[in-house]
């Protein structure tokens, strides 16, 4: 898993590359939760994530809860069709704001 964090126009853009499963779930959480406590706007770019296990779903839900509790805007970008379908079937998709592109997400946040 590769995690890159960049600041553009007061927005933290977190780019994830690789699979999100139990072996990297804590790494993802530990990288993103500090941003939530800083109360910055977050765009989570998942364009390069092709697979997400149930541990990955729990990780996203945990990040969402922390963001909501801290009134931090969080937008998911670039969900693959498979991940979007999985999140939809499990009901997780309803919790998130989702954008099809980074540019659109920047305009939404």
N, C-alpha and C. Protein backbone atom coordinates (compact mmCIF):
# COMPACT_ATOMS: atom_id res chain seq x y z
N UNK A 1 0.84 -1.18 0.00
CA UNK A 1 0.00 0.00 0.00
C UNK A 1 0.89 1.24 0.00
N UNK A 2 0.58 2.14 -0.88
CA UNK A 2 1.27 3.43 -0.95
C UNK A 2 0.27 4.51 -0.59
N UNK A 3 0.65 5.38 0.33
CA UNK A 3 -0.22 6.46 0.77
C UNK A 3 0.53 7.77 0.59
N UNK A 4 -0.04 8.66 -0.22
CA UNK A 4 0.54 9.98 -0.45
C UNK A 4 -0.45 11.03 0.02
N UNK A 5 0.06 12.03 0.73
CA UNK A 5 -0.80 13.11 1.23
C UNK A 5 -0.24 14.43 0.72
N UNK A 6 -1.08 15.17 0.02
CA UNK A 6 -0.71 16.47 -0.52
C UNK A 6 -1.76 17.50 -0.13
N UNK A 7 -1.32 18.74 0.08
CA UNK A 7 -2.25 19.82 0.39
C UNK A 7 -2.39 20.70 -0.85
N UNK A 8 -3.63 20.87 -1.28
CA UNK A 8 -3.93 21.74 -2.42
C UNK A 8 -5.12 22.60 -2.02
N UNK A 9 -4.94 23.92 -2.02
CA UNK A 9 -6.01 24.86 -1.69
C UNK A 9 -6.68 24.51 -0.36
N UNK A 10 -5.90 24.29 0.67
CA UNK A 10 -6.40 23.98 2.02
C UNK A 10 -7.20 22.69 2.11
N UNK A 11 -6.97 21.79 1.17
CA UNK A 11 -7.62 20.48 1.18
C UNK A 11 -6.52 19.42 1.20
N UNK A 12 -6.66 18.45 2.09
CA UNK A 12 -5.72 17.33 2.13
C UNK A 12 -6.19 16.27 1.14
N UNK A 13 -5.37 15.99 0.16
CA UNK A 13 -5.70 14.96 -0.82
C UNK A 13 -4.87 13.73 -0.48
N UNK A 14 -5.56 12.68 -0.07
CA UNK A 14 -4.91 11.43 0.32
C UNK A 14 -5.08 10.45 -0.83
N UNK A 15 -3.98 10.07 -1.46
CA UNK A 15 -4.02 9.15 -2.58
C UNK A 15 -3.56 7.77 -2.11
N UNK A 16 -4.43 6.79 -2.31
CA UNK A 16 -4.13 5.42 -1.93
C UNK A 16 -3.84 4.61 -3.18
N UNK A 17 -2.78 3.80 -3.13
CA UNK A 17 -2.44 2.92 -4.25
C UNK A 17 -2.21 1.52 -3.71
N UNK A 18 -2.94 0.56 -4.26
CA UNK A 18 -2.81 -0.82 -3.82
C UNK A 18 -4.12 -1.33 -3.24
N UNK A 19 -4.08 -2.53 -2.71
CA UNK A 19 -5.27 -3.15 -2.12
C UNK A 19 -5.40 -2.72 -0.66
N UNK A 20 -6.65 -2.57 -0.22
CA UNK A 20 -6.90 -2.28 1.19
C UNK A 20 -7.48 -3.54 1.81
N UNK A 21 -6.65 -4.21 2.59
CA UNK A 21 -7.09 -5.43 3.27
C UNK A 21 -6.57 -5.40 4.70
N UNK A 22 -6.70 -6.51 5.41
CA UNK A 22 -6.33 -6.53 6.83
C UNK A 22 -4.84 -6.25 7.06
N UNK A 23 -4.01 -6.52 6.08
CA UNK A 23 -2.57 -6.31 6.27
C UNK A 23 -2.18 -4.83 6.24
N UNK A 24 -3.03 -3.97 5.67
CA UNK A 24 -2.70 -2.54 5.58
C UNK A 24 -3.75 -1.63 6.21
N UNK A 25 -4.83 -2.21 6.72
CA UNK A 25 -5.93 -1.40 7.26
C UNK A 25 -5.46 -0.44 8.35
N UNK A 26 -4.64 -0.92 9.27
CA UNK A 26 -4.18 -0.05 10.35
C UNK A 26 -3.28 1.06 9.82
N UNK A 27 -2.48 0.77 8.81
CA UNK A 27 -1.62 1.78 8.20
C UNK A 27 -2.46 2.90 7.58
N UNK A 28 -3.53 2.52 6.90
CA UNK A 28 -4.42 3.51 6.28
C UNK A 28 -5.06 4.37 7.38
N UNK A 29 -5.58 3.72 8.40
CA UNK A 29 -6.22 4.44 9.51
C UNK A 29 -5.23 5.40 10.17
N UNK A 30 -4.04 4.92 10.47
CA UNK A 30 -3.03 5.73 11.15
C UNK A 30 -2.56 6.91 10.31
N UNK A 31 -2.69 6.82 9.00
CA UNK A 31 -2.30 7.92 8.12
C UNK A 31 -3.38 8.98 8.01
N UNK A 32 -4.63 8.57 8.10
CA UNK A 32 -5.73 9.50 7.84
C UNK A 32 -6.33 10.10 9.11
N UNK A 33 -6.43 9.35 10.18
CA UNK A 33 -7.06 9.86 11.41
C UNK A 33 -6.40 11.15 11.92
N UNK A 34 -5.08 11.29 11.88
CA UNK A 34 -4.49 12.56 12.33
C UNK A 34 -5.00 13.77 11.53
N UNK A 35 -5.30 13.57 10.25
CA UNK A 35 -5.84 14.66 9.44
C UNK A 35 -7.23 15.05 9.93
N UNK A 36 -7.99 14.05 10.34
CA UNK A 36 -9.35 14.30 10.85
C UNK A 36 -9.27 15.13 12.13
N UNK A 37 -8.35 14.81 13.00
CA UNK A 37 -8.24 15.56 14.25
C UNK A 37 -7.71 16.97 14.04
N UNK A 38 -7.05 17.21 12.90
CA UNK A 38 -6.61 18.56 12.55
C UNK A 38 -7.75 19.38 11.95
N UNK A 39 -8.87 18.73 11.71
CA UNK A 39 -10.08 19.37 11.18
C UNK A 39 -9.83 20.03 9.82
N UNK A 40 -9.17 19.30 8.94
CA UNK A 40 -8.95 19.78 7.58
C UNK A 40 -9.91 19.05 6.63
N UNK A 41 -10.16 19.65 5.50
CA UNK A 41 -10.99 19.00 4.48
C UNK A 41 -10.19 17.88 3.85
N UNK A 42 -10.85 16.74 3.61
CA UNK A 42 -10.13 15.57 3.10
C UNK A 42 -10.80 15.01 1.85
N UNK A 43 -9.99 14.79 0.83
CA UNK A 43 -10.42 14.04 -0.35
C UNK A 43 -9.60 12.76 -0.36
N UNK A 44 -10.28 11.65 -0.38
CA UNK A 44 -9.62 10.34 -0.39
C UNK A 44 -9.69 9.79 -1.81
N UNK A 45 -8.56 9.87 -2.52
CA UNK A 45 -8.49 9.43 -3.91
C UNK A 45 -8.18 7.94 -3.96
N UNK A 46 -9.16 7.16 -4.38
CA UNK A 46 -9.03 5.71 -4.41
C UNK A 46 -8.97 5.17 -5.83
N UNK A 47 -8.59 6.02 -6.78
CA UNK A 47 -8.52 5.62 -8.18
C UNK A 47 -7.62 4.41 -8.39
N UNK A 48 -6.54 4.31 -7.62
CA UNK A 48 -5.58 3.22 -7.79
C UNK A 48 -5.79 2.07 -6.80
N UNK A 49 -6.98 2.01 -6.21
CA UNK A 49 -7.33 0.90 -5.31
C UNK A 49 -8.23 -0.04 -6.09
N UNK A 50 -7.77 -1.26 -6.31
CA UNK A 50 -8.56 -2.21 -7.11
C UNK A 50 -9.32 -3.21 -6.26
N UNK A 51 -8.91 -3.36 -5.00
CA UNK A 51 -9.56 -4.36 -4.13
C UNK A 51 -9.65 -3.83 -2.71
N UNK A 52 -10.79 -4.08 -2.08
CA UNK A 52 -10.95 -3.70 -0.68
C UNK A 52 -11.70 -4.82 0.03
N UNK A 53 -11.07 -5.36 1.06
CA UNK A 53 -11.68 -6.44 1.84
C UNK A 53 -12.64 -5.85 2.88
N UNK A 54 -13.25 -6.72 3.67
CA UNK A 54 -14.13 -6.25 4.74
C UNK A 54 -13.35 -5.40 5.74
N UNK A 55 -12.08 -5.71 5.94
CA UNK A 55 -11.24 -4.88 6.82
C UNK A 55 -11.09 -3.48 6.24
N UNK A 56 -10.99 -3.39 4.93
CA UNK A 56 -10.91 -2.09 4.27
C UNK A 56 -12.20 -1.31 4.43
N UNK A 57 -13.33 -2.00 4.31
CA UNK A 57 -14.62 -1.34 4.51
C UNK A 57 -14.73 -0.81 5.94
N UNK A 58 -14.33 -1.62 6.91
CA UNK A 58 -14.36 -1.17 8.31
C UNK A 58 -13.44 0.04 8.51
N UNK A 59 -12.31 0.04 7.83
CA UNK A 59 -11.38 1.17 7.92
C UNK A 59 -12.04 2.45 7.41
N UNK A 60 -12.68 2.36 6.25
CA UNK A 60 -13.37 3.54 5.70
C UNK A 60 -14.48 4.01 6.63
N UNK A 61 -15.22 3.07 7.19
CA UNK A 61 -16.31 3.43 8.10
C UNK A 61 -15.75 4.12 9.34
N UNK A 62 -14.66 3.63 9.87
CA UNK A 62 -14.02 4.25 11.04
C UNK A 62 -13.58 5.67 10.72
N UNK A 63 -12.97 5.86 9.56
CA UNK A 63 -12.53 7.19 9.14
C UNK A 63 -13.74 8.11 8.98
N UNK A 64 -14.80 7.58 8.38
CA UNK A 64 -16.03 8.37 8.21
C UNK A 64 -16.58 8.81 9.56
N UNK A 65 -16.65 7.89 10.51
CA UNK A 65 -17.19 8.23 11.84
C UNK A 65 -16.36 9.32 12.51
N UNK A 66 -15.04 9.19 12.45
CA UNK A 66 -14.17 10.20 13.04
C UNK A 66 -14.36 11.55 12.34
N UNK A 67 -14.45 11.53 11.02
CA UNK A 67 -14.66 12.77 10.27
C UNK A 67 -16.00 13.41 10.64
N UNK A 68 -17.04 12.61 10.71
CA UNK A 68 -18.37 13.13 11.07
C UNK A 68 -18.36 13.71 12.48
N UNK A 69 -17.75 13.01 13.41
CA UNK A 69 -17.69 13.48 14.80
C UNK A 69 -16.93 14.79 14.93
N UNK A 70 -16.01 15.05 14.01
CA UNK A 70 -15.20 16.27 14.04
C UNK A 70 -15.64 17.30 13.02
N UNK A 71 -16.80 17.07 12.38
CA UNK A 71 -17.32 17.97 11.34
C UNK A 71 -16.29 18.24 10.24
N UNK A 72 -15.63 17.18 9.82
CA UNK A 72 -14.62 17.28 8.77
C UNK A 72 -15.20 16.76 7.46
N UNK A 73 -15.23 17.59 6.41
CA UNK A 73 -15.71 17.10 5.12
C UNK A 73 -14.79 16.01 4.58
N UNK A 74 -15.39 14.95 4.07
CA UNK A 74 -14.64 13.81 3.52
C UNK A 74 -15.33 13.36 2.24
N UNK A 75 -14.58 13.33 1.15
CA UNK A 75 -15.12 12.90 -0.14
C UNK A 75 -14.26 11.77 -0.68
N UNK A 76 -14.91 10.71 -1.15
CA UNK A 76 -14.22 9.60 -1.81
C UNK A 76 -14.22 9.85 -3.31
N UNK A 77 -13.09 9.59 -3.95
CA UNK A 77 -12.95 9.80 -5.39
C UNK A 77 -12.41 8.53 -6.03
N UNK A 78 -12.90 8.25 -7.24
CA UNK A 78 -12.31 7.20 -8.06
C UNK A 78 -12.57 5.79 -7.61
N UNK A 79 -13.74 5.54 -7.05
CA UNK A 79 -14.07 4.18 -6.64
C UNK A 79 -14.23 3.29 -7.87
N UNK A 80 -13.59 2.13 -7.86
CA UNK A 80 -13.79 1.19 -8.96
C UNK A 80 -15.23 0.70 -8.91
N UNK A 81 -15.69 0.17 -10.02
CA UNK A 81 -17.06 -0.33 -10.07
C UNK A 81 -17.28 -1.43 -9.03
N UNK A 82 -16.29 -2.30 -8.89
CA UNK A 82 -16.40 -3.39 -7.92
C UNK A 82 -16.50 -2.87 -6.48
N UNK A 83 -15.66 -1.92 -6.13
CA UNK A 83 -15.69 -1.36 -4.78
C UNK A 83 -16.99 -0.60 -4.55
N UNK A 84 -17.40 0.17 -5.54
CA UNK A 84 -18.65 0.92 -5.41
C UNK A 84 -19.83 -0.04 -5.24
N UNK A 85 -19.86 -1.12 -6.00
CA UNK A 85 -20.94 -2.11 -5.87
C UNK A 85 -20.93 -2.74 -4.48
N UNK A 86 -19.75 -3.11 -4.00
CA UNK A 86 -19.64 -3.71 -2.67
C UNK A 86 -20.12 -2.74 -1.60
N UNK A 87 -19.72 -1.49 -1.71
CA UNK A 87 -20.14 -0.50 -0.73
C UNK A 87 -21.64 -0.24 -0.81
N UNK A 88 -22.19 -0.31 -2.00
CA UNK A 88 -23.62 -0.12 -2.18
C UNK A 88 -24.42 -1.26 -1.56
N UNK A 89 -24.02 -2.49 -1.84
CA UNK A 89 -24.73 -3.67 -1.33
C UNK A 89 -24.68 -3.72 0.20
N UNK A 90 -23.55 -3.32 0.78
CA UNK A 90 -23.42 -3.35 2.24
C UNK A 90 -24.04 -2.14 2.92
N UNK A 91 -24.46 -1.15 2.13
CA UNK A 91 -25.05 0.05 2.69
C UNK A 91 -24.03 1.11 3.08
N UNK A 92 -22.75 0.81 2.92
CA UNK A 92 -21.70 1.75 3.31
C UNK A 92 -21.67 2.98 2.41
N UNK A 93 -22.04 2.81 1.16
CA UNK A 93 -21.96 3.92 0.21
C UNK A 93 -22.84 5.09 0.65
N UNK A 94 -23.94 4.79 1.34
CA UNK A 94 -24.86 5.83 1.80
C UNK A 94 -24.22 6.79 2.79
N UNK A 95 -23.16 6.37 3.45
CA UNK A 95 -22.51 7.22 4.46
C UNK A 95 -21.58 8.26 3.85
N UNK A 96 -21.17 8.06 2.61
CA UNK A 96 -20.10 8.86 2.03
C UNK A 96 -20.59 9.78 0.92
N UNK A 97 -19.87 10.88 0.77
CA UNK A 97 -20.00 11.71 -0.42
C UNK A 97 -18.98 11.17 -1.40
N UNK A 98 -19.43 10.91 -2.63
CA UNK A 98 -18.57 10.28 -3.64
C UNK A 98 -18.54 11.17 -4.87
N UNK A 99 -17.36 11.28 -5.46
CA UNK A 99 -17.19 12.04 -6.69
C UNK A 99 -16.49 11.16 -7.73
N UNK A 100 -16.78 11.44 -8.99
CA UNK A 100 -16.16 10.66 -10.06
C UNK A 100 -14.78 11.18 -10.44
N UNK A 101 -14.45 12.41 -10.03
CA UNK A 101 -13.13 12.95 -10.38
C UNK A 101 -12.60 13.85 -9.27
N UNK A 102 -11.31 14.01 -9.26
CA UNK A 102 -10.66 14.87 -8.28
C UNK A 102 -11.10 16.32 -8.45
N UNK A 103 -11.20 16.76 -9.68
CA UNK A 103 -11.62 18.14 -9.95
C UNK A 103 -13.03 18.40 -9.42
N UNK A 104 -13.95 17.46 -9.67
CA UNK A 104 -15.31 17.62 -9.16
C UNK A 104 -15.32 17.62 -7.64
N UNK A 105 -14.52 16.76 -7.03
CA UNK A 105 -14.45 16.70 -5.57
C UNK A 105 -13.97 18.02 -4.99
N UNK A 106 -12.97 18.63 -5.62
CA UNK A 106 -12.47 19.92 -5.15
C UNK A 106 -13.57 20.97 -5.17
N UNK A 107 -14.43 20.90 -6.17
CA UNK A 107 -15.54 21.84 -6.26
C UNK A 107 -16.64 21.57 -5.24
N UNK A 108 -16.73 20.34 -4.78
CA UNK A 108 -17.77 19.95 -3.83
C UNK A 108 -17.40 20.26 -2.38
N UNK A 109 -16.11 20.33 -2.11
CA UNK A 109 -15.68 20.38 -0.71
C UNK A 109 -15.63 21.76 -0.10
